[in-house]
Amino acid sequence: MSTIGKNIKKFRQEKELSQDKLSKLADLSLNTVVKIELDESPNPTIETIQKIAKALDVSVDDLLKK
């Protein structure tokens, strides 16, 4: 699993959000969130990362940290 995918999943679970809820908060498709977490889409765009970071109330750096 990519670092980004692992971090998104970790922050999402810490905030007790479902993948579906996160997708709605970030204005992304559920499929996009699932694929990033499963590393089937290991290189999301910076725009997508920014949307997810905002929805999780964390920084982009937090999502990119190893």
PDB file of N, CA and C in Angstrom:
ATOM      1  N   MET A   1       0.856  -1.195   0.000  1.00  0.00           N
ATOM      2  CA  MET A   1       0.000   0.000   0.000  1.00  0.00           C
ATOM      3  C   MET A   1       0.892   1.246   0.000  1.00  0.00           C
ATOM      4  N   SER A   2       0.500   2.211  -0.774  1.00  0.00           N
ATOM      5  CA  SER A   2       1.277   3.447  -0.836  1.00  0.00           C
ATOM      6  C   SER A   2       1.178   4.204   0.490  1.00  0.00           C
ATOM      7  N   THR A   3       2.145   5.060   0.706  1.00  0.00           N
ATOM      8  CA  THR A   3       2.136   5.904   1.899  1.00  0.00           C
ATOM      9  C   THR A   3       0.865   6.749   1.942  1.00  0.00           C
ATOM     10  N   ILE A   4       0.510   7.333   0.802  1.00  0.00           N
ATOM     11  CA  ILE A   4      -0.685   8.185   0.763  1.00  0.00           C
ATOM     12  C   ILE A   4      -1.927   7.376   1.142  1.00  0.00           C
ATOM     13  N   GLY A   5      -2.070   6.217   0.537  1.00  0.00           N
ATOM     14  CA  GLY A   5      -3.231   5.368   0.825  1.00  0.00           C
ATOM     15  C   GLY A   5      -3.308   4.978   2.294  1.00  0.00           C
ATOM     16  N   LYS A   6      -2.171   4.587   2.855  1.00  0.00           N
ATOM     17  CA  LYS A   6      -2.132   4.198   4.273  1.00  0.00           C
ATOM     18  C   LYS A   6      -2.495   5.379   5.169  1.00  0.00           C
ATOM     19  N   ASN A   7      -1.942   6.546   4.860  1.00  0.00           N
ATOM     20  CA  ASN A   7      -2.200   7.723   5.685  1.00  0.00           C
ATOM     21  C   ASN A   7      -3.655   8.161   5.600  1.00  0.00           C
ATOM     22  N   ILE A   8      -4.215   8.131   4.398  1.00  0.00           N
ATOM     23  CA  ILE A   8      -5.629   8.501   4.247  1.00  0.00           C
ATOM     24  C   ILE A   8      -6.492   7.563   5.076  1.00  0.00           C
ATOM     25  N   LYS A   9      -6.227   6.269   4.969  1.00  0.00           N
ATOM     26  CA  LYS A   9      -7.008   5.286   5.724  1.00  0.00           C
ATOM     27  C   LYS A   9      -6.865   5.509   7.226  1.00  0.00           C
ATOM     28  N   LYS A  10      -5.631   5.765   7.680  1.00  0.00           N
ATOM     29  CA  LYS A  10      -5.377   5.978   9.111  1.00  0.00           C
ATOM     30  C   LYS A  10      -6.155   7.195   9.620  1.00  0.00           C
ATOM     31  N   PHE A  11      -6.032   8.328   8.930  1.00  0.00           N
ATOM     32  CA  PHE A  11      -6.740   9.537   9.373  1.00  0.00           C
ATOM     33  C   PHE A  11      -8.255   9.360   9.277  1.00  0.00           C
ATOM     34  N   ARG A  12      -8.699   8.699   8.226  1.00  0.00           N
ATOM     35  CA  ARG A  12     -10.151   8.474   8.059  1.00  0.00           C
ATOM     36  C   ARG A  12     -10.688   7.640   9.216  1.00  0.00           C
ATOM     37  N   GLN A  13      -9.976   6.574   9.572  1.00  0.00           N
ATOM     38  CA  GLN A  13     -10.431   5.715  10.661  1.00  0.00           C
ATOM     39  C   GLN A  13     -10.351   6.425  12.011  1.00  0.00           C
ATOM     40  N   GLU A  14      -9.314   7.250  12.206  1.00  0.00           N
ATOM     41  CA  GLU A  14      -9.198   8.016  13.451  1.00  0.00           C
ATOM     42  C   GLU A  14     -10.389   8.944  13.622  1.00  0.00           C
ATOM     43  N   LYS A  15     -10.895   9.469  12.516  1.00  0.00           N
ATOM     44  CA  LYS A  15     -12.036  10.393  12.571  1.00  0.00           C
ATOM     45  C   LYS A  15     -13.368   9.654  12.441  1.00  0.00           C
ATOM     46  N   GLU A  16     -13.280   8.333  12.423  1.00  0.00           N
ATOM     47  CA  GLU A  16     -14.463   7.467  12.362  1.00  0.00           C
ATOM     48  C   GLU A  16     -15.348   7.777  11.171  1.00  0.00           C
ATOM     49  N   LEU A  17     -14.701   7.977  10.013  1.00  0.00           N
ATOM     50  CA  LEU A  17     -15.425   8.242   8.777  1.00  0.00           C
ATOM     51  C   LEU A  17     -15.414   6.986   7.903  1.00  0.00           C
ATOM     52  N   SER A  18     -16.515   6.728   7.253  1.00  0.00           N
ATOM     53  CA  SER A  18     -16.545   5.659   6.256  1.00  0.00           C
ATOM     54  C   SER A  18     -15.898   6.190   4.978  1.00  0.00           C
ATOM     55  N   GLN A  19     -15.534   5.289   4.097  1.00  0.00           N
ATOM     56  CA  GLN A  19     -15.002   5.720   2.807  1.00  0.00           C
ATOM     57  C   GLN A  19     -16.057   6.536   2.067  1.00  0.00           C
ATOM     58  N   ASP A  20     -17.301   6.141   2.188  1.00  0.00           N
ATOM     59  CA  ASP A  20     -18.389   6.855   1.519  1.00  0.00           C
ATOM     60  C   ASP A  20     -18.517   8.286   2.058  1.00  0.00           C
ATOM     61  N   LYS A  21     -18.454   8.430   3.381  1.00  0.00           N
ATOM     62  CA  LYS A  21     -18.565   9.765   3.996  1.00  0.00           C
ATOM     63  C   LYS A  21     -17.385  10.638   3.569  1.00  0.00           C
ATOM     64  N   LEU A  22     -16.186  10.069   3.569  1.00  0.00           N
ATOM     65  CA  LEU A  22     -15.020  10.833   3.140  1.00  0.00           C
ATOM     66  C   LEU A  22     -15.173  11.275   1.689  1.00  0.00           C
ATOM     67  N   SER A  23     -15.649  10.382   0.844  1.00  0.00           N
ATOM     68  CA  SER A  23     -15.806  10.737  -0.573  1.00  0.00           C
ATOM     69  C   SER A  23     -16.767  11.912  -0.734  1.00  0.00           C
ATOM     70  N   LYS A  24     -17.834  11.921   0.051  1.00  0.00           N
ATOM     71  CA  LYS A  24     -18.802  13.026  -0.022  1.00  0.00           C
ATOM     72  C   LYS A  24     -18.187  14.324   0.507  1.00  0.00           C
ATOM     73  N   LEU A  25     -17.462  14.245   1.623  1.00  0.00           N
ATOM     74  CA  LEU A  25     -16.833  15.438   2.200  1.00  0.00           C
ATOM     75  C   LEU A  25     -15.789  16.032   1.251  1.00  0.00           C
ATOM     76  N   ALA A  26     -15.098  15.151   0.532  1.00  0.00           N
ATOM     77  CA  ALA A  26     -14.033  15.598  -0.370  1.00  0.00           C
ATOM     78  C   ALA A  26     -14.547  15.873  -1.782  1.00  0.00           C
ATOM     79  N   ASP A  27     -15.836  15.631  -2.009  1.00  0.00           N
ATOM     80  CA  ASP A  27     -16.430  15.822  -3.336  1.00  0.00           C
ATOM     81  C   ASP A  27     -15.709  14.975  -4.388  1.00  0.00           C
ATOM     82  N   LEU A  28     -15.490  13.705  -4.021  1.00  0.00           N
ATOM     83  CA  LEU A  28     -14.864  12.735  -4.924  1.00  0.00           C
ATOM     84  C   LEU A  28     -15.772  11.520  -5.009  1.00  0.00           C
ATOM     85  N   SER A  29     -15.548  10.695  -6.010  1.00  0.00           N
ATOM     86  CA  SER A  29     -16.344   9.469  -6.083  1.00  0.00           C
ATOM     87  C   SER A  29     -15.844   8.476  -5.030  1.00  0.00           C
ATOM     88  N   LEU A  30     -16.753   7.651  -4.555  1.00  0.00           N
ATOM     89  CA  LEU A  30     -16.380   6.599  -3.610  1.00  0.00           C
ATOM     90  C   LEU A  30     -15.287   5.730  -4.225  1.00  0.00           C
ATOM     91  N   ASN A  31     -15.435   5.443  -5.500  1.00  0.00           N
ATOM     92  CA  ASN A  31     -14.464   4.618  -6.215  1.00  0.00           C
ATOM     93  C   ASN A  31     -13.054   5.199  -6.131  1.00  0.00           C
ATOM     94  N   THR A  32     -12.944   6.515  -6.235  1.00  0.00           N
ATOM     95  CA  THR A  32     -11.637   7.181  -6.156  1.00  0.00           C
ATOM     96  C   THR A  32     -10.998   6.952  -4.790  1.00  0.00           C
ATOM     97  N   VAL A  33     -11.775   7.160  -3.732  1.00  0.00           N
ATOM     98  CA  VAL A  33     -11.252   6.978  -2.369  1.00  0.00           C
ATOM     99  C   VAL A  33     -10.829   5.525  -2.154  1.00  0.00           C
ATOM    100  N   VAL A  34     -11.666   4.598  -2.552  1.00  0.00           N
ATOM    101  CA  VAL A  34     -11.361   3.171  -2.381  1.00  0.00           C
ATOM    102  C   VAL A  34     -10.081   2.812  -3.138  1.00  0.00           C
ATOM    103  N   LYS A  35      -9.976   3.256  -4.375  1.00  0.00           N
ATOM    104  CA  LYS A  35      -8.797   2.925  -5.185  1.00  0.00           C
ATOM    105  C   LYS A  35      -7.511   3.500  -4.605  1.00  0.00           C
ATOM    106  N   ILE A  36      -7.569   4.714  -4.088  1.00  0.00           N
ATOM    107  CA  ILE A  36      -6.370   5.314  -3.485  1.00  0.00           C
ATOM    108  C   ILE A  36      -5.965   4.518  -2.242  1.00  0.00           C
ATOM    109  N   GLU A  37      -6.934   4.201  -1.395  1.00  0.00           N
ATOM    110  CA  GLU A  37      -6.614   3.438  -0.180  1.00  0.00           C
ATOM    111  C   GLU A  37      -6.083   2.045  -0.498  1.00  0.00           C
ATOM    112  N   LEU A  38      -6.598   1.433  -1.548  1.00  0.00           N
ATOM    113  CA  LEU A  38      -6.163   0.082  -1.914  1.00  0.00           C
ATOM    114  C   LEU A  38      -4.918   0.078  -2.796  1.00  0.00           C
ATOM    115  N   ASP A  39      -4.411   1.276  -3.091  1.00  0.00           N
ATOM    116  CA  ASP A  39      -3.218   1.424  -3.916  1.00  0.00           C
ATOM    117  C   ASP A  39      -3.458   1.010  -5.366  1.00  0.00           C
ATOM    118  N   GLU A  40      -4.714   1.029  -5.790  1.00  0.00           N
ATOM    119  CA  GLU A  40      -5.014   0.746  -7.198  1.00  0.00           C
ATOM    120  C   GLU A  40      -4.894   2.029  -8.021  1.00  0.00           C
ATOM    121  N   SER A  41      -4.826   3.142  -7.313  1.00  0.00           N
ATOM    122  CA  SER A  41      -4.594   4.439  -7.939  1.00  0.00           C
ATOM    123  C   SER A  41      -3.505   5.119  -7.108  1.00  0.00           C
ATOM    124  N   PRO A  42      -2.251   4.649  -7.260  1.00  0.00           N
ATOM    125  CA  PRO A  42      -1.183   5.082  -6.351  1.00  0.00           C
ATOM    126  C   PRO A  42      -0.695   6.513  -6.548  1.00  0.00           C
ATOM    127  N   ASN A  43      -1.091   7.160  -7.637  1.00  0.00           N
ATOM    128  CA  ASN A  43      -0.620   8.518  -7.897  1.00  0.00           C
ATOM    129  C   ASN A  43      -1.772   9.494  -8.111  1.00  0.00           C
ATOM    130  N   PRO A  44      -2.540   9.753  -7.035  1.00  0.00           N
ATOM    131  CA  PRO A  44      -3.656  10.707  -7.184  1.00  0.00           C
ATOM    132  C   PRO A  44      -3.126  12.103  -7.491  1.00  0.00           C
ATOM    133  N   THR A  45      -3.933  12.901  -8.135  1.00  0.00           N
ATOM    134  CA  THR A  45      -3.515  14.270  -8.460  1.00  0.00           C
ATOM    135  C   THR A  45      -3.396  15.081  -7.177  1.00  0.00           C
ATOM    136  N   ILE A  46      -2.627  16.149  -7.251  1.00  0.00           N
ATOM    137  CA  ILE A  46      -2.480  17.023  -6.082  1.00  0.00           C
ATOM    138  C   ILE A  46      -3.830  17.621  -5.703  1.00  0.00           C
ATOM    139  N   GLU A  47      -4.662  17.886  -6.685  1.00  0.00           N
ATOM    140  CA  GLU A  47      -6.004  18.412  -6.393  1.00  0.00           C
ATOM    141  C   GLU A  47      -6.814  17.414  -5.562  1.00  0.00           C
ATOM    142  N   THR A  48      -6.728  16.146  -5.928  1.00  0.00           N
ATOM    143  CA  THR A  48      -7.431  15.096  -5.179  1.00  0.00           C
ATOM    144  C   THR A  48      -6.881  14.998  -3.758  1.00  0.00           C
ATOM    145  N   ILE A  49      -5.565  15.040  -3.632  1.00  0.00           N
ATOM    146  CA  ILE A  49      -4.938  14.974  -2.302  1.00  0.00           C
ATOM    147  C   ILE A  49      -5.371  16.170  -1.459  1.00  0.00           C
ATOM    148  N   GLN A  50      -5.431  17.344  -2.075  1.00  0.00           N
ATOM    149  CA  GLN A  50      -5.852  18.547  -1.346  1.00  0.00           C
ATOM    150  C   GLN A  50      -7.298  18.418  -0.865  1.00  0.00           C
ATOM    151  N   LYS A  51      -8.165  17.886  -1.701  1.00  0.00           N
ATOM    152  CA  LYS A  51      -9.573  17.712  -1.319  1.00  0.00           C
ATOM    153  C   LYS A  51      -9.693  16.752  -0.138  1.00  0.00           C
ATOM    154  N   ILE A  52      -8.937  15.658  -0.198  1.00  0.00           N
ATOM    155  CA  ILE A  52      -8.993  14.668   0.879  1.00  0.00           C
ATOM    156  C   ILE A  52      -8.414  15.254   2.164  1.00  0.00           C
ATOM    157  N   ALA A  53      -7.297  15.964   2.055  1.00  0.00           N
ATOM    158  CA  ALA A  53      -6.681  16.581   3.234  1.00  0.00           C
ATOM    159  C   ALA A  53      -7.665  17.552   3.896  1.00  0.00           C
ATOM    160  N   LYS A  54      -8.327  18.365   3.095  1.00  0.00           N
ATOM    161  CA  LYS A  54      -9.293  19.330   3.627  1.00  0.00           C
ATOM    162  C   LYS A  54     -10.451  18.601   4.312  1.00  0.00           C
ATOM    163  N   ALA A  55     -10.942  17.543   3.681  1.00  0.00           N
ATOM    164  CA  ALA A  55     -12.063  16.788   4.253  1.00  0.00           C
ATOM    165  C   ALA A  55     -11.671  16.129   5.574  1.00  0.00           C
ATOM    166  N   LEU A  56     -10.410  15.713   5.674  1.00  0.00           N
ATOM    167  CA  LEU A  56      -9.931  15.062   6.903  1.00  0.00           C
ATOM    168  C   LEU A  56      -9.400  16.071   7.920  1.00  0.00           C
ATOM    169  N   ASP A  57      -9.340  17.342   7.525  1.00  0.00           N
ATOM    170  CA  ASP A  57      -8.812  18.401   8.387  1.00  0.00           C
ATOM    171  C   ASP A  57      -7.365  18.121   8.798  1.00  0.00           C
ATOM    172  N   VAL A  58      -6.576  17.705   7.806  1.00  0.00           N
ATOM    173  CA  VAL A  58      -5.137  17.508   8.004  1.00  0.00           C
ATOM    174  C   VAL A  58      -4.425  18.224   6.859  1.00  0.00           C
ATOM    175  N   SER A  59      -3.110  18.336   6.966  1.00  0.00           N
ATOM    176  CA  SER A  59      -2.359  18.996   5.893  1.00  0.00           C
ATOM    177  C   SER A  59      -2.000  17.993   4.800  1.00  0.00           C
ATOM    178  N   VAL A  60      -1.715  18.508   3.631  1.00  0.00           N
ATOM    179  CA  VAL A  60      -1.244  17.645   2.543  1.00  0.00           C
ATOM    180  C   VAL A  60       0.036  16.935   2.999  1.00  0.00           C
ATOM    181  N   ASP A  61       0.882  17.651   3.715  1.00  0.00           N
ATOM    182  CA  ASP A  61       2.120  17.048   4.232  1.00  0.00           C
ATOM    183  C   ASP A  61       1.821  15.832   5.091  1.00  0.00           C
ATOM    184  N   ASP A  62       0.768  15.920   5.914  1.00  0.00           N
ATOM    185  CA  ASP A  62       0.404  14.785   6.772  1.00  0.00           C
ATOM    186  C   ASP A  62       0.099  13.548   5.930  1.00  0.00           C
ATOM    187  N   LEU A  63      -0.549  13.747   4.793  1.00  0.00           N
ATOM    188  CA  LEU A  63      -0.901  12.614   3.930  1.00  0.00           C
ATOM    189  C   LEU A  63       0.301  12.053   3.192  1.00  0.00           C
ATOM    190  N   LEU A  64       1.313  12.893   2.974  1.00  0.00           N
ATOM    191  CA  LEU A  64       2.481  12.467   2.195  1.00  0.00           C
ATOM    192  C   LEU A  64       3.607  11.911   3.053  1.00  0.00           C
ATOM    193  N   LYS A  65       3.533  12.119   4.366  1.00  0.00           N
ATOM    194  CA  LYS A  65       4.609  11.660   5.263  1.00  0.00           C
ATOM    195  C   LYS A  65       4.731  10.157   5.273  1.00  0.00           C
ATOM    196  N   LYS A  66       5.956   9.696   5.350  1.00  0.00           N
ATOM    197  CA  LYS A  66       6.215   8.245   5.425  1.00  0.00           C
ATOM    198  C   LYS A  66       6.016   7.758   6.832  1.00  0.00           C
TER     199      LYS A  66
END
